[in-house]
Amino acid sequence: MDMRIASVNVGSVERLSRGQDVMKTGIRKHPMPGAVAVSQLAVGTDTIVDLEHHGGPDQAVYAYSEDDYAWWSRQLGRRLEPGCFGDNLTISGLPSDLFIGDRLLIGATVLEATAPRIPCATLAACMQDREFGLKFRRAERPGIYFRVLNEGEIRRGDFVTLVENPARQVTVLELFRFAYDPTPAAEDLERFLSAPVAARLRSNIEKKLAALKP
């Protein structure tokens, strides 16, 4: 699998209109020149405003496939620039789906897949489309959150090596679909918990599982 970094993207606080409301957000990222330091909590100087739902050590890096960007550009009839989905890394050749626990090696940097991105109203506002959350759900191209196992620097053009999780318990797309499933099966929830999923998602799965037990 031939993968390369197409863009490294960093955001700062911006004001974004949502109907009559104006919100502060760091969702829009912009391509950075040269090498960008990747720490266990952030990519470069990237800013996260909604710390309750985004960021943290289990969701430090959000990656989106350049191939999925091309798909969206065809669907929407306009070119989408790297970072407009809020992705820190735009990667050519990145599959839309990976197993949780799969790792990406980028120079000295090691990333581990932890969760899918679930669309929110902020993304819809950023795309200037009130229905975009539903479109994003139906497309099943969620992008992938990663934790940083080894810090390093990443720049455009870097090769990306995939190291698969040998356990192969659960995929990113399974967890994406779980987010919309009103009646998940207990055996699926237990399987999800066997994978190294992100802390926020793990808490949600545990609550769903507890509710199923007598």
N, C-alpha and C. Protein backbone atom coordinates (compact mmCIF):
# COMPACT_ATOMS: atom_id res chain seq x y z
N MET A 1 0.85 -1.19 0.00
CA MET A 1 0.00 0.00 0.00
C MET A 1 0.89 1.25 0.00
N ASP A 2 0.77 2.07 -1.04
CA ASP A 2 1.61 3.26 -1.19
C ASP A 2 0.88 4.46 -0.60
N MET A 3 1.35 4.94 0.54
CA MET A 3 0.74 6.10 1.18
C MET A 3 1.80 7.18 1.40
N ARG A 4 1.37 8.43 1.22
CA ARG A 4 2.23 9.57 1.47
C ARG A 4 1.42 10.67 2.13
N ILE A 5 2.13 11.55 2.84
CA ILE A 5 1.50 12.72 3.41
C ILE A 5 1.28 13.75 2.30
N ALA A 6 0.01 14.06 2.05
CA ALA A 6 -0.31 15.07 1.04
C ALA A 6 -0.30 16.48 1.62
N SER A 7 -0.62 16.57 2.93
CA SER A 7 -0.64 17.88 3.58
C SER A 7 -0.66 17.70 5.09
N VAL A 8 0.04 18.59 5.80
CA VAL A 8 -0.03 18.66 7.26
C VAL A 8 -0.75 19.96 7.59
N ASN A 9 -1.85 19.86 8.36
CA ASN A 9 -2.75 20.99 8.52
C ASN A 9 -2.92 21.38 9.99
N VAL A 10 -2.92 22.67 10.24
CA VAL A 10 -3.01 23.20 11.60
C VAL A 10 -4.07 24.31 11.61
N GLY A 11 -4.84 24.38 12.69
CA GLY A 11 -5.88 25.40 12.78
C GLY A 11 -5.67 26.34 13.95
N SER A 12 -6.35 27.48 13.87
CA SER A 12 -6.37 28.45 14.97
C SER A 12 -7.82 28.84 15.22
N VAL A 13 -8.06 29.59 16.26
CA VAL A 13 -9.44 29.96 16.60
C VAL A 13 -10.01 30.90 15.54
N GLU A 14 -11.20 30.53 15.05
CA GLU A 14 -11.91 31.38 14.09
C GLU A 14 -13.36 31.51 14.54
N ARG A 15 -14.03 32.51 14.00
CA ARG A 15 -15.47 32.67 14.24
C ARG A 15 -16.21 32.12 13.04
N LEU A 16 -17.22 31.32 13.33
CA LEU A 16 -17.97 30.64 12.29
C LEU A 16 -19.45 30.85 12.53
N SER A 17 -20.18 31.26 11.48
CA SER A 17 -21.62 31.50 11.61
C SER A 17 -22.39 30.20 11.45
N ARG A 18 -23.37 30.01 12.35
CA ARG A 18 -24.29 28.89 12.26
C ARG A 18 -25.69 29.45 12.46
N GLY A 19 -26.37 29.73 11.34
CA GLY A 19 -27.63 30.44 11.41
C GLY A 19 -27.39 31.84 11.93
N GLN A 20 -28.10 32.19 13.00
CA GLN A 20 -27.91 33.50 13.61
C GLN A 20 -26.84 33.49 14.70
N ASP A 21 -26.34 32.33 15.00
CA ASP A 21 -25.32 32.21 16.03
C ASP A 21 -23.92 32.30 15.44
N VAL A 22 -22.99 32.78 16.24
CA VAL A 22 -21.58 32.83 15.87
C VAL A 22 -20.80 32.04 16.92
N MET A 23 -20.03 31.07 16.46
CA MET A 23 -19.27 30.23 17.39
C MET A 23 -17.78 30.39 17.18
N LYS A 24 -17.04 30.08 18.22
CA LYS A 24 -15.59 30.00 18.11
C LYS A 24 -15.21 28.54 17.86
N THR A 25 -14.34 28.30 16.91
CA THR A 25 -13.96 26.94 16.57
C THR A 25 -12.56 26.92 15.97
N GLY A 26 -11.95 25.76 16.06
CA GLY A 26 -10.65 25.54 15.41
C GLY A 26 -10.76 24.47 14.35
N ILE A 27 -11.98 24.21 13.86
CA ILE A 27 -12.19 23.08 12.95
C ILE A 27 -11.44 23.23 11.63
N ARG A 28 -11.37 24.45 11.13
CA ARG A 28 -10.71 24.62 9.83
C ARG A 28 -9.19 24.61 10.01
N LYS A 29 -8.56 23.71 9.29
CA LYS A 29 -7.11 23.60 9.34
C LYS A 29 -6.52 24.12 8.02
N HIS A 30 -5.28 24.51 8.08
CA HIS A 30 -4.62 25.07 6.90
C HIS A 30 -3.25 24.42 6.72
N PRO A 31 -2.89 24.11 5.46
CA PRO A 31 -1.62 23.43 5.19
C PRO A 31 -0.43 24.23 5.70
N MET A 32 0.53 23.53 6.29
CA MET A 32 1.73 24.13 6.84
C MET A 32 2.94 23.75 5.99
N PRO A 33 3.84 24.69 5.75
CA PRO A 33 5.07 24.36 5.03
C PRO A 33 6.09 23.72 5.96
N GLY A 34 6.97 22.92 5.40
CA GLY A 34 8.05 22.35 6.19
C GLY A 34 7.60 21.30 7.19
N ALA A 35 8.51 20.96 8.09
CA ALA A 35 8.24 19.92 9.09
C ALA A 35 7.40 20.50 10.23
N VAL A 36 6.43 19.68 10.70
CA VAL A 36 5.56 20.08 11.81
C VAL A 36 5.72 19.06 12.92
N ALA A 37 5.97 19.54 14.14
CA ALA A 37 6.14 18.65 15.28
C ALA A 37 4.80 18.03 15.69
N VAL A 38 4.83 16.73 15.95
CA VAL A 38 3.64 16.02 16.41
C VAL A 38 3.90 15.52 17.82
N SER A 39 3.11 16.02 18.78
CA SER A 39 3.26 15.61 20.17
C SER A 39 2.11 14.69 20.55
N GLN A 40 2.10 14.23 21.79
CA GLN A 40 1.04 13.34 22.24
C GLN A 40 -0.30 14.05 22.39
N LEU A 41 -0.30 15.37 22.27
CA LEU A 41 -1.55 16.12 22.43
C LEU A 41 -1.94 16.96 21.23
N ALA A 42 -1.03 17.17 20.29
CA ALA A 42 -1.38 18.08 19.20
C ALA A 42 -0.41 17.95 18.03
N VAL A 43 -0.87 18.46 16.91
CA VAL A 43 -0.03 18.61 15.72
C VAL A 43 0.37 20.07 15.63
N GLY A 44 1.64 20.35 15.84
CA GLY A 44 2.12 21.72 15.81
C GLY A 44 1.38 22.60 16.80
N THR A 45 0.95 23.76 16.32
CA THR A 45 0.23 24.74 17.17
C THR A 45 -1.28 24.62 16.98
N ASP A 46 -1.75 23.47 16.53
CA ASP A 46 -3.17 23.29 16.28
C ASP A 46 -4.00 23.62 17.53
N THR A 47 -5.12 24.31 17.31
CA THR A 47 -5.99 24.76 18.40
C THR A 47 -7.28 23.96 18.41
N ILE A 48 -7.67 23.47 19.57
CA ILE A 48 -8.94 22.77 19.75
C ILE A 48 -9.76 23.57 20.76
N VAL A 49 -10.93 24.01 20.34
CA VAL A 49 -11.79 24.83 21.20
C VAL A 49 -12.69 23.97 22.06
N ASP A 50 -13.34 22.98 21.47
CA ASP A 50 -14.28 22.11 22.18
C ASP A 50 -13.53 20.92 22.77
N LEU A 51 -12.95 21.15 23.94
CA LEU A 51 -12.13 20.11 24.56
C LEU A 51 -12.95 18.97 25.15
N GLU A 52 -14.26 19.18 25.30
CA GLU A 52 -15.11 18.11 25.82
C GLU A 52 -15.27 16.98 24.81
N HIS A 53 -15.32 17.33 23.53
CA HIS A 53 -15.59 16.34 22.49
C HIS A 53 -14.42 16.06 21.56
N HIS A 54 -13.41 16.90 21.60
CA HIS A 54 -12.30 16.76 20.65
C HIS A 54 -10.96 16.84 21.35
N GLY A 55 -9.95 16.29 20.69
CA GLY A 55 -8.59 16.37 21.22
C GLY A 55 -8.35 15.41 22.37
N GLY A 56 -7.24 15.61 23.04
CA GLY A 56 -6.83 14.70 24.10
C GLY A 56 -5.90 13.63 23.56
N PRO A 57 -5.26 12.88 24.44
CA PRO A 57 -4.24 11.93 23.99
C PRO A 57 -4.75 10.81 23.09
N ASP A 58 -6.04 10.47 23.16
CA ASP A 58 -6.58 9.41 22.30
C ASP A 58 -7.11 9.92 20.97
N GLN A 59 -7.20 11.24 20.84
CA GLN A 59 -7.67 11.83 19.59
C GLN A 59 -6.79 13.03 19.24
N ALA A 60 -5.49 12.81 19.34
CA ALA A 60 -4.54 13.91 19.14
C ALA A 60 -4.38 14.28 17.67
N VAL A 61 -4.58 13.30 16.79
CA VAL A 61 -4.38 13.51 15.36
C VAL A 61 -5.60 12.99 14.60
N TYR A 62 -6.11 13.81 13.70
CA TYR A 62 -7.21 13.38 12.84
C TYR A 62 -6.71 13.35 11.41
N ALA A 63 -6.88 12.20 10.76
CA ALA A 63 -6.38 12.03 9.39
C ALA A 63 -7.54 11.76 8.44
N TYR A 64 -7.41 12.27 7.23
CA TYR A 64 -8.43 12.04 6.20
C TYR A 64 -7.71 11.70 4.90
N SER A 65 -8.37 10.84 4.13
CA SER A 65 -7.76 10.35 2.90
C SER A 65 -7.88 11.38 1.77
N GLU A 66 -6.80 11.59 1.05
CA GLU A 66 -6.84 12.46 -0.13
C GLU A 66 -7.80 11.87 -1.17
N ASP A 67 -7.89 10.55 -1.22
CA ASP A 67 -8.80 9.90 -2.15
C ASP A 67 -10.26 10.20 -1.79
N ASP A 68 -10.56 10.25 -0.49
CA ASP A 68 -11.91 10.62 -0.06
C ASP A 68 -12.20 12.09 -0.34
N TYR A 69 -11.19 12.92 -0.24
CA TYR A 69 -11.36 14.33 -0.63
C TYR A 69 -11.76 14.42 -2.10
N ALA A 70 -11.11 13.63 -2.95
CA ALA A 70 -11.45 13.63 -4.38
C ALA A 70 -12.89 13.17 -4.59
N TRP A 71 -13.31 12.17 -3.82
CA TRP A 71 -14.69 11.67 -3.92
C TRP A 71 -15.67 12.76 -3.54
N TRP A 72 -15.41 13.45 -2.43
CA TRP A 72 -16.30 14.51 -2.00
C TRP A 72 -16.34 15.66 -3.01
N SER A 73 -15.19 15.98 -3.58
CA SER A 73 -15.15 17.06 -4.57
C SER A 73 -16.04 16.74 -5.76
N ARG A 74 -16.05 15.47 -6.17
CA ARG A 74 -16.93 15.06 -7.27
C ARG A 74 -18.39 15.13 -6.84
N GLN A 75 -18.68 14.69 -5.62
CA GLN A 75 -20.05 14.69 -5.13
C GLN A 75 -20.60 16.11 -5.00
N LEU A 76 -19.80 17.03 -4.51
CA LEU A 76 -20.24 18.39 -4.23
C LEU A 76 -20.05 19.35 -5.40
N GLY A 77 -19.30 18.90 -6.40
CA GLY A 77 -19.08 19.74 -7.57
C GLY A 77 -18.18 20.92 -7.32
N ARG A 78 -17.32 20.82 -6.33
CA ARG A 78 -16.35 21.89 -6.05
C ARG A 78 -15.13 21.28 -5.38
N ARG A 79 -14.00 21.92 -5.56
CA ARG A 79 -12.76 21.40 -5.00
C ARG A 79 -12.69 21.69 -3.51
N LEU A 80 -12.38 20.68 -2.74
CA LEU A 80 -12.19 20.83 -1.30
C LEU A 80 -10.70 20.81 -0.98
N GLU A 81 -10.26 21.78 -0.23
CA GLU A 81 -8.84 21.89 0.10
C GLU A 81 -8.51 21.08 1.35
N PRO A 82 -7.29 20.56 1.45
CA PRO A 82 -6.87 19.82 2.65
C PRO A 82 -7.11 20.64 3.91
N GLY A 83 -7.64 19.98 4.93
CA GLY A 83 -7.88 20.64 6.20
C GLY A 83 -9.30 21.12 6.40
N CYS A 84 -10.11 21.15 5.33
CA CYS A 84 -11.46 21.70 5.49
C CYS A 84 -12.37 20.76 6.26
N PHE A 85 -12.02 19.48 6.39
CA PHE A 85 -12.76 18.56 7.23
C PHE A 85 -12.25 18.57 8.67
N GLY A 86 -11.25 19.39 8.93
CA GLY A 86 -10.67 19.43 10.27
C GLY A 86 -9.52 18.47 10.44
N ASP A 87 -9.04 17.90 9.33
CA ASP A 87 -7.97 16.91 9.40
C ASP A 87 -6.60 17.56 9.57
N ASN A 88 -5.83 16.97 10.48
CA ASN A 88 -4.44 17.40 10.67
C ASN A 88 -3.53 16.83 9.60
N LEU A 89 -3.85 15.61 9.17
CA LEU A 89 -3.06 14.95 8.13
C LEU A 89 -3.98 14.56 6.97
N THR A 90 -3.65 15.01 5.79
CA THR A 90 -4.31 14.54 4.57
C THR A 90 -3.34 13.55 3.94
N ILE A 91 -3.79 12.31 3.76
CA ILE A 91 -2.88 11.23 3.35
C ILE A 91 -3.37 10.60 2.06
N SER A 92 -2.53 10.60 1.05
CA SER A 92 -2.88 9.92 -0.19
C SER A 92 -2.74 8.41 0.00
N GLY A 93 -3.73 7.67 -0.46
CA GLY A 93 -3.70 6.22 -0.34
C GLY A 93 -4.23 5.68 0.98
N LEU A 94 -4.61 6.56 1.92
CA LEU A 94 -5.15 6.09 3.20
C LEU A 94 -6.52 5.47 2.97
N PRO A 95 -6.74 4.22 3.40
CA PRO A 95 -8.06 3.61 3.24
C PRO A 95 -9.10 4.36 4.06
N SER A 96 -10.36 4.28 3.62
CA SER A 96 -11.45 4.87 4.39
C SER A 96 -11.69 4.11 5.68
N ASP A 97 -11.22 2.88 5.74
CA ASP A 97 -11.45 2.03 6.91
C ASP A 97 -10.14 1.38 7.32
N LEU A 98 -9.91 1.31 8.63
CA LEU A 98 -8.78 0.59 9.20
C LEU A 98 -9.30 -0.19 10.41
N PHE A 99 -8.49 -1.10 10.92
CA PHE A 99 -8.80 -1.72 12.20
C PHE A 99 -8.34 -0.80 13.32
N ILE A 100 -9.13 -0.72 14.38
CA ILE A 100 -8.67 -0.01 15.58
C ILE A 100 -7.40 -0.71 16.07
N GLY A 101 -6.37 0.07 16.35
CA GLY A 101 -5.09 -0.50 16.74
C GLY A 101 -4.09 -0.59 15.61
N ASP A 102 -4.56 -0.42 14.36
CA ASP A 102 -3.61 -0.31 13.25
C ASP A 102 -2.72 0.90 13.47
N ARG A 103 -1.47 0.79 13.02
CA ARG A 103 -0.53 1.89 13.25
C ARG A 103 0.02 2.44 11.94
N LEU A 104 0.28 3.74 11.95
CA LEU A 104 0.94 4.41 10.84
C LEU A 104 2.32 4.86 11.31
N LEU A 105 3.33 4.47 10.55
CA LEU A 105 4.70 4.89 10.82
C LEU A 105 5.07 5.98 9.82
N ILE A 106 5.42 7.15 10.34
CA ILE A 106 5.77 8.29 9.48
C ILE A 106 7.08 8.85 10.02
N GLY A 107 8.19 8.43 9.45
CA GLY A 107 9.48 8.77 10.04
C GLY A 107 9.55 8.20 11.44
N ALA A 108 9.88 9.05 12.42
CA ALA A 108 9.95 8.60 13.81
C ALA A 108 8.58 8.58 14.47
N THR A 109 7.58 9.19 13.84
CA THR A 109 6.26 9.30 14.43
C THR A 109 5.48 8.00 14.28
N VAL A 110 4.85 7.56 15.37
CA VAL A 110 4.02 6.35 15.33
C VAL A 110 2.63 6.72 15.81
N LEU A 111 1.62 6.47 14.97
CA LEU A 111 0.23 6.77 15.30
C LEU A 111 -0.57 5.48 15.39
N GLU A 112 -1.55 5.44 16.30
CA GLU A 112 -2.40 4.27 16.46
C GLU A 112 -3.86 4.67 16.30
N ALA A 113 -4.57 3.98 15.40
CA ALA A 113 -5.98 4.28 15.13
C ALA A 113 -6.84 3.99 16.35
N THR A 114 -7.72 4.95 16.71
CA THR A 114 -8.52 4.82 17.92
C THR A 114 -10.02 5.00 17.72
N ALA A 115 -10.45 5.73 16.69
CA ALA A 115 -11.88 6.04 16.58
C ALA A 115 -12.19 6.69 15.23
N PRO A 116 -13.45 6.61 14.81
CA PRO A 116 -13.89 7.38 13.65
C PRO A 116 -14.28 8.80 14.06
N ARG A 117 -14.39 9.66 13.12
CA ARG A 117 -14.93 10.99 13.38
C ARG A 117 -16.45 10.94 13.20
N ILE A 118 -17.19 11.45 14.18
CA ILE A 118 -18.64 11.53 14.09
C ILE A 118 -18.99 12.98 13.77
N PRO A 119 -19.76 13.23 12.71
CA PRO A 119 -20.02 14.61 12.29
C PRO A 119 -20.86 15.37 13.32
N CYS A 120 -20.64 16.66 13.38
CA CYS A 120 -21.36 17.52 14.32
C CYS A 120 -21.87 18.75 13.58
N ALA A 121 -22.62 19.57 14.30
CA ALA A 121 -23.18 20.78 13.70
C ALA A 121 -22.09 21.74 13.25
N THR A 122 -20.95 21.71 13.92
CA THR A 122 -19.85 22.60 13.54
C THR A 122 -19.33 22.25 12.14
N LEU A 123 -19.23 20.95 11.84
CA LEU A 123 -18.80 20.54 10.51
C LEU A 123 -19.79 21.01 9.46
N ALA A 124 -21.09 20.87 9.74
CA ALA A 124 -22.11 21.32 8.80
C ALA A 124 -22.01 22.83 8.56
N ALA A 125 -21.76 23.58 9.63
CA ALA A 125 -21.62 25.02 9.50
C ALA A 125 -20.38 25.37 8.69
N CYS A 126 -19.31 24.63 8.93
CA CYS A 126 -18.06 24.86 8.19
C CYS A 126 -18.26 24.61 6.69
N MET A 127 -19.06 23.58 6.37
CA MET A 127 -19.34 23.24 4.97
C MET A 127 -20.46 24.07 4.39
N GLN A 128 -21.08 24.93 5.22
CA GLN A 128 -22.20 25.79 4.81
C GLN A 128 -23.33 24.97 4.21
N ASP A 129 -23.65 23.87 4.90
CA ASP A 129 -24.69 22.96 4.43
C ASP A 129 -25.33 22.32 5.65
N ARG A 130 -26.57 22.69 5.95
CA ARG A 130 -27.25 22.18 7.14
C ARG A 130 -27.45 20.66 7.09
N GLU A 131 -27.47 20.10 5.89
CA GLU A 131 -27.70 18.67 5.73
C GLU A 131 -26.40 17.88 5.63
N PHE A 132 -25.27 18.53 5.85
CA PHE A 132 -24.00 17.85 5.59
C PHE A 132 -23.75 16.70 6.57
N GLY A 133 -24.23 16.83 7.79
CA GLY A 133 -24.04 15.74 8.76
C GLY A 133 -24.64 14.44 8.25
N LEU A 134 -25.83 14.52 7.66
CA LEU A 134 -26.48 13.33 7.11
C LEU A 134 -25.72 12.81 5.90
N LYS A 135 -25.25 13.72 5.07
CA LYS A 135 -24.46 13.31 3.91
C LYS A 135 -23.18 12.60 4.34
N PHE A 136 -22.55 13.13 5.37
CA PHE A 136 -21.31 12.55 5.88
C PHE A 136 -21.58 11.16 6.45
N ARG A 137 -22.68 11.01 7.14
CA ARG A 137 -23.05 9.71 7.70
C ARG A 137 -23.25 8.69 6.59
N ARG A 138 -24.01 9.06 5.57
CA ARG A 138 -24.32 8.14 4.49
C ARG A 138 -23.09 7.77 3.66
N ALA A 139 -22.15 8.69 3.58
CA ALA A 139 -20.95 8.45 2.76
C ALA A 139 -20.05 7.39 3.37
N GLU A 140 -20.07 7.25 4.68
CA GLU A 140 -19.22 6.30 5.41
C GLU A 140 -17.73 6.46 5.04
N ARG A 141 -17.31 7.70 5.04
CA ARG A 141 -15.90 8.07 4.86
C ARG A 141 -15.54 9.00 6.02
N PRO A 142 -15.48 8.46 7.26
CA PRO A 142 -15.41 9.33 8.44
C PRO A 142 -14.05 9.92 8.76
N GLY A 143 -12.99 9.42 8.17
CA GLY A 143 -11.67 9.80 8.64
C GLY A 143 -11.37 9.08 9.95
N ILE A 144 -10.15 9.19 10.41
CA ILE A 144 -9.71 8.37 11.53
C ILE A 144 -8.93 9.20 12.55
N TYR A 145 -9.28 9.02 13.82
CA TYR A 145 -8.51 9.61 14.91
C TYR A 145 -7.39 8.66 15.32
N PHE A 146 -6.28 9.26 15.76
CA PHE A 146 -5.11 8.49 16.19
C PHE A 146 -4.58 9.04 17.51
N ARG A 147 -4.03 8.13 18.32
CA ARG A 147 -3.19 8.55 19.43
C ARG A 147 -1.74 8.49 18.97
N VAL A 148 -0.88 9.26 19.61
CA VAL A 148 0.53 9.33 19.24
C VAL A 148 1.33 8.43 20.18
N LEU A 149 1.88 7.37 19.65
CA LEU A 149 2.69 6.45 20.45
C LEU A 149 4.14 6.89 20.50
N ASN A 150 4.57 7.57 19.45
CA ASN A 150 5.94 8.10 19.43
C ASN A 150 5.92 9.44 18.71
N GLU A 151 6.42 10.45 19.38
CA GLU A 151 6.42 11.79 18.81
C GLU A 151 7.48 11.94 17.72
N GLY A 152 7.28 12.93 16.88
CA GLY A 152 8.24 13.18 15.81
C GLY A 152 7.83 14.38 14.99
N GLU A 153 8.36 14.47 13.79
CA GLU A 153 8.01 15.54 12.86
C GLU A 153 7.46 14.92 11.58
N ILE A 154 6.49 15.61 11.00
CA ILE A 154 5.88 15.15 9.76
C ILE A 154 5.84 16.30 8.78
N ARG A 155 6.13 16.00 7.52
CA ARG A 155 6.05 17.02 6.48
C ARG A 155 5.40 16.44 5.24
N ARG A 156 4.95 17.30 4.37
CA ARG A 156 4.36 16.88 3.12
C ARG A 156 5.37 16.04 2.32
N GLY A 157 4.88 14.94 1.75
CA GLY A 157 5.73 14.06 0.96
C GLY A 157 6.29 12.88 1.71
N ASP A 158 6.16 12.89 3.05
CA ASP A 158 6.68 11.76 3.84
C ASP A 158 5.95 10.47 3.47
N PHE A 159 6.70 9.38 3.43
CA PHE A 159 6.09 8.06 3.24
C PHE A 159 5.37 7.63 4.51
N VAL A 160 4.29 6.89 4.33
CA VAL A 160 3.50 6.37 5.45
C VAL A 160 3.44 4.85 5.33
N THR A 161 3.82 4.17 6.40
CA THR A 161 3.80 2.70 6.42
C THR A 161 2.70 2.23 7.36
N LEU A 162 1.86 1.33 6.87
CA LEU A 162 0.80 0.75 7.68
C LEU A 162 1.28 -0.53 8.35
N VAL A 163 1.11 -0.61 9.67
CA VAL A 163 1.38 -1.83 10.42
C VAL A 163 0.05 -2.28 11.03
N GLU A 164 -0.48 -3.39 10.53
CA GLU A 164 -1.81 -3.82 10.95
C GLU A 164 -1.81 -4.40 12.36
N ASN A 165 -2.90 -4.14 13.07
CA ASN A 165 -3.11 -4.74 14.38
C ASN A 165 -3.42 -6.22 14.18
N PRO A 166 -2.58 -7.13 14.67
CA PRO A 166 -2.81 -8.56 14.42
C PRO A 166 -4.11 -9.08 15.02
N ALA A 167 -4.63 -8.41 16.05
CA ALA A 167 -5.86 -8.87 16.68
C ALA A 167 -7.08 -8.64 15.79
N ARG A 168 -7.08 -7.52 15.05
CA ARG A 168 -8.15 -7.24 14.07
C ARG A 168 -9.55 -7.43 14.69
N GLN A 169 -9.79 -6.82 15.87
CA GLN A 169 -11.06 -7.02 16.56
C GLN A 169 -12.21 -6.22 15.96
N VAL A 170 -11.96 -4.96 15.62
CA VAL A 170 -13.06 -4.08 15.21
C VAL A 170 -12.53 -3.01 14.27
N THR A 171 -13.35 -2.63 13.30
CA THR A 171 -12.92 -1.63 12.33
C THR A 171 -13.47 -0.25 12.68
N VAL A 172 -12.86 0.74 12.08
CA VAL A 172 -13.31 2.12 12.25
C VAL A 172 -14.75 2.27 11.78
N LEU A 173 -15.09 1.67 10.64
CA LEU A 173 -16.45 1.80 10.11
C LEU A 173 -17.48 1.11 11.01
N GLU A 174 -17.12 0.02 11.64
CA GLU A 174 -18.04 -0.61 12.59
C GLU A 174 -18.39 0.36 13.71
N LEU A 175 -17.40 1.07 14.21
CA LEU A 175 -17.64 2.02 15.30
C LEU A 175 -18.40 3.24 14.81
N PHE A 176 -18.18 3.62 13.56
CA PHE A 176 -18.93 4.72 12.97
C PHE A 176 -20.41 4.35 12.90
N ARG A 177 -20.70 3.13 12.46
CA ARG A 177 -22.09 2.67 12.38
C ARG A 177 -22.70 2.50 13.77
N PHE A 178 -21.89 2.10 14.72
CA PHE A 178 -22.36 1.95 16.10
C PHE A 178 -22.91 3.26 16.63
N ALA A 179 -22.32 4.37 16.24
CA ALA A 179 -22.75 5.68 16.73
C ALA A 179 -24.20 5.97 16.39
N TYR A 180 -24.72 5.31 15.36
CA TYR A 180 -26.10 5.55 14.92
C TYR A 180 -27.01 4.35 15.20
N ASP A 181 -26.51 3.36 15.89
CA ASP A 181 -27.27 2.14 16.15
C ASP A 181 -28.02 2.25 17.48
N PRO A 182 -29.36 2.31 17.47
CA PRO A 182 -30.10 2.45 18.73
C PRO A 182 -30.15 1.17 19.55
N THR A 183 -29.89 0.03 18.91
CA THR A 183 -29.99 -1.26 19.64
C THR A 183 -28.76 -2.13 19.38
N PRO A 184 -27.59 -1.71 19.84
CA PRO A 184 -26.39 -2.53 19.63
C PRO A 184 -26.46 -3.83 20.42
N ALA A 185 -25.86 -4.87 19.88
CA ALA A 185 -25.83 -6.16 20.56
C ALA A 185 -24.73 -6.18 21.61
N ALA A 186 -24.99 -6.86 22.73
CA ALA A 186 -24.02 -6.91 23.82
C ALA A 186 -22.70 -7.53 23.37
N GLU A 187 -22.78 -8.59 22.55
CA GLU A 187 -21.54 -9.24 22.10
C GLU A 187 -20.70 -8.31 21.23
N ASP A 188 -21.35 -7.43 20.47
CA ASP A 188 -20.60 -6.46 19.68
C ASP A 188 -19.94 -5.43 20.59
N LEU A 189 -20.66 -4.96 21.59
CA LEU A 189 -20.10 -3.98 22.52
C LEU A 189 -18.90 -4.56 23.26
N GLU A 190 -19.00 -5.80 23.67
CA GLU A 190 -17.87 -6.44 24.35
C GLU A 190 -16.67 -6.57 23.42
N ARG A 191 -16.94 -6.87 22.16
CA ARG A 191 -15.85 -6.96 21.18
C ARG A 191 -15.21 -5.59 20.96
N PHE A 192 -16.04 -4.56 20.89
CA PHE A 192 -15.50 -3.21 20.72
C PHE A 192 -14.55 -2.85 21.86
N LEU A 193 -14.93 -3.25 23.07
CA LEU A 193 -14.13 -2.91 24.24
C LEU A 193 -12.81 -3.68 24.29
N SER A 194 -12.71 -4.74 23.51
CA SER A 194 -11.46 -5.50 23.48
C SER A 194 -10.39 -4.81 22.63
N ALA A 195 -10.79 -3.80 21.88
CA ALA A 195 -9.86 -3.06 21.03
C ALA A 195 -9.39 -1.79 21.74
N PRO A 196 -8.25 -1.22 21.35
CA PRO A 196 -7.74 -0.01 21.99
C PRO A 196 -8.44 1.26 21.51
N VAL A 197 -9.76 1.34 21.75
CA VAL A 197 -10.56 2.48 21.28
C VAL A 197 -10.28 3.72 22.12
N ALA A 198 -10.62 4.88 21.58
CA ALA A 198 -10.41 6.15 22.28
C ALA A 198 -11.25 6.21 23.55
N ALA A 199 -10.77 6.95 24.54
CA ALA A 199 -11.39 6.98 25.86
C ALA A 199 -12.85 7.45 25.82
N ARG A 200 -13.15 8.49 25.06
CA ARG A 200 -14.54 8.98 25.01
C ARG A 200 -15.46 7.91 24.44
N LEU A 201 -15.01 7.28 23.38
CA LEU A 201 -15.81 6.23 22.76
C LEU A 201 -15.94 5.04 23.69
N ARG A 202 -14.88 4.67 24.36
CA ARG A 202 -14.92 3.56 25.31
C ARG A 202 -15.97 3.82 26.39
N SER A 203 -16.01 5.04 26.91
CA SER A 203 -16.98 5.37 27.95
C SER A 203 -18.41 5.21 27.42
N ASN A 204 -18.64 5.64 26.19
CA ASN A 204 -19.97 5.51 25.58
C ASN A 204 -20.36 4.04 25.42
N ILE A 205 -19.41 3.23 24.96
CA ILE A 205 -19.67 1.79 24.78
C ILE A 205 -19.98 1.14 26.12
N GLU A 206 -19.20 1.48 27.15
CA GLU A 206 -19.42 0.91 28.48
C GLU A 206 -20.80 1.26 29.02
N LYS A 207 -21.26 2.48 28.79
CA LYS A 207 -22.58 2.89 29.24
C LYS A 207 -23.68 2.09 28.51
N LYS A 208 -23.50 1.92 27.20
CA LYS A 208 -24.48 1.14 26.43
C LYS A 208 -24.52 -0.31 26.91
N LEU A 209 -23.36 -0.86 27.20
CA LEU A 209 -23.29 -2.25 27.66
C LEU A 209 -23.93 -2.39 29.04
N ALA A 210 -23.66 -1.45 29.93
CA ALA A 210 -24.23 -1.50 31.27
C ALA A 210 -25.76 -1.42 31.23
N ALA A 211 -26.27 -0.65 30.28
CA ALA A 211 -27.72 -0.51 30.16
C ALA A 211 -28.40 -1.80 29.70
N LEU A 212 -27.63 -2.68 29.03
CA LEU A 212 -28.19 -3.94 28.54
C LEU A 212 -28.20 -5.03 29.60
N LYS A 213 -27.41 -4.84 30.64
CA LYS A 213 -27.31 -5.88 31.66
C LYS A 213 -28.44 -5.77 32.67
N PRO A 214 -29.00 -6.88 33.11
CA PRO A 214 -30.13 -6.84 34.06
C PRO A 214 -29.69 -6.31 35.43
